[in-house]
C-alpha cells in the first residue's frame, strides 16, 4: 500500500467511486437514476452502476474524459472548463 503523499505512478482512473453517506441514503440511487435517464434521452454516453464491497454501498461512474486503448492504456481526453475560457453561465436569460 502506498504511503500518503506518494508519487503518482502515471496510471489514470477510468471511474469515480462515490461511497454512500448514511445521512443521505438515497443520494446514490438518485444520482444513478439520473444517469440512466440521461442515457435514455441520448444526453450521456457514460455509465454508472451500484456496487457493494465490504458492506459499503458505492456508485461507480465511468469517466467521460477517459478512453481505454486496445492495449489497455488509458488516455485522457482534453476538456476545457467553461470558466477557463471565459464563459459565464449565470443570467444567460
Protein backbone atom coordinates (compact mmCIF):
# COMPACT_ATOMS: atom_id res chain seq x y z
CA UNK A 1 0.00 0.00 0.00
CA UNK A 2 1.39 3.41 -0.96
CA UNK A 3 2.10 5.92 1.77
CA UNK A 4 0.17 9.17 1.93
CA UNK A 5 1.80 11.69 -0.37
CA UNK A 6 3.43 9.00 -2.51
CA UNK A 7 4.32 9.95 -6.08
CA UNK A 8 1.61 9.17 -8.65
CA UNK A 9 2.57 6.26 -10.90
CA UNK A 10 1.04 7.79 -14.02
CA UNK A 11 -1.93 5.44 -14.30
CA UNK A 12 -5.23 7.21 -14.91
CA UNK A 13 -8.54 6.19 -13.39
CA UNK A 14 -11.47 5.21 -15.59
CA UNK A 15 -14.16 5.52 -12.89
CA UNK A 16 -15.09 7.76 -10.00
CA UNK A 17 -16.21 5.90 -6.87
CA UNK A 18 -18.72 7.59 -4.57
CA UNK A 19 -19.46 5.89 -1.24
CA UNK A 20 -22.90 6.10 0.32
CA UNK A 21 -23.31 8.68 3.07
CA UNK A 22 -25.61 7.40 5.84
CA UNK A 23 -27.17 10.86 6.33
CA UNK A 24 -28.22 10.94 2.64
CA UNK A 25 -29.16 7.32 2.00
CA UNK A 26 -30.96 7.91 -1.32
CA UNK A 27 -28.27 10.14 -2.91
CA UNK A 28 -26.53 7.32 -4.82
CA UNK A 29 -29.80 5.87 -6.10
CA UNK A 30 -30.96 9.34 -7.18
CA UNK A 31 -27.68 10.01 -9.00
CA UNK A 32 -27.67 6.59 -10.68
CA UNK A 33 -31.29 7.08 -11.79
CA UNK A 34 -30.33 10.48 -13.23
CA UNK A 35 -27.54 8.83 -15.24
CA UNK A 36 -29.98 6.22 -16.57
CA UNK A 37 -32.42 8.96 -17.61
CA UNK A 38 -29.62 10.90 -19.32
CA UNK A 39 -28.57 7.79 -21.25
CA UNK A 40 -32.17 7.02 -22.27
CA UNK A 41 -32.57 10.57 -23.58
CA UNK A 42 -29.30 10.31 -25.54
CA UNK A 43 -27.66 13.02 -23.42
CA UNK A 44 -24.91 10.90 -21.84
CA UNK A 45 -22.75 8.08 -23.15
CA UNK A 46 -21.06 7.28 -19.84
CA UNK A 47 -22.33 4.60 -17.47
CA UNK A 48 -22.80 4.23 -13.75
CA UNK A 49 -23.50 1.22 -11.57
CA UNK A 50 -24.23 0.50 -7.92
CA UNK A 51 -21.94 -1.91 -6.02
CA UNK A 52 -21.28 -3.23 -2.52
CA UNK A 53 -17.82 -4.04 -1.14
CA UNK A 54 -17.22 -4.96 2.50
CA UNK A 55 -20.73 -3.72 3.38
CA UNK A 56 -20.04 -0.31 1.78
CA UNK A 57 -22.50 0.72 -0.95
CA UNK A 58 -20.91 2.84 -3.66
CA UNK A 59 -21.66 4.26 -7.09
CA UNK A 60 -19.08 3.66 -9.84
CA UNK A 61 -19.31 6.36 -12.51
CA UNK A 62 -17.47 5.92 -15.80
CA UNK A 63 -15.32 8.95 -16.53
CA UNK A 64 -16.41 10.65 -19.75
CA UNK A 65 -12.98 12.21 -20.20
CA UNK A 66 -11.03 8.93 -20.50
CA UNK A 67 -10.58 6.41 -23.29
CA UNK A 68 -9.19 2.91 -22.86
CA UNK A 69 -6.94 1.99 -25.75
CA UNK A 70 -6.79 -1.56 -27.24
CA UNK A 71 -3.51 -2.17 -25.39
CA UNK A 72 -5.19 -1.31 -22.06
CA UNK A 73 -3.60 2.10 -21.53
CA UNK A 74 -5.91 4.92 -20.50
CA UNK A 75 -5.79 8.17 -22.48
CA UNK A 76 -7.04 11.50 -21.17
CA UNK A 77 -9.50 13.35 -23.41
CA UNK A 78 -8.86 17.07 -23.09
CA UNK A 79 -11.75 19.07 -21.62
CA UNK A 80 -11.98 22.86 -21.43
CA UNK A 81 -13.79 24.12 -18.39
CA UNK A 82 -16.19 26.91 -19.32
CA UNK A 83 -14.82 29.22 -16.62
CA UNK A 84 -11.31 28.78 -18.03
CA UNK A 85 -12.38 30.15 -21.42
CA UNK A 86 -14.46 33.00 -20.03
CA UNK A 87 -17.98 31.58 -20.45
CA UNK A 88 -20.40 32.81 -17.77
CA UNK A 89 -23.48 30.63 -17.36
CA UNK A 90 -25.12 32.94 -14.83
CA UNK A 91 -28.04 35.04 -16.07
CA UNK A 92 -27.90 33.74 -19.63
CA UNK A 93 -31.56 34.73 -19.97
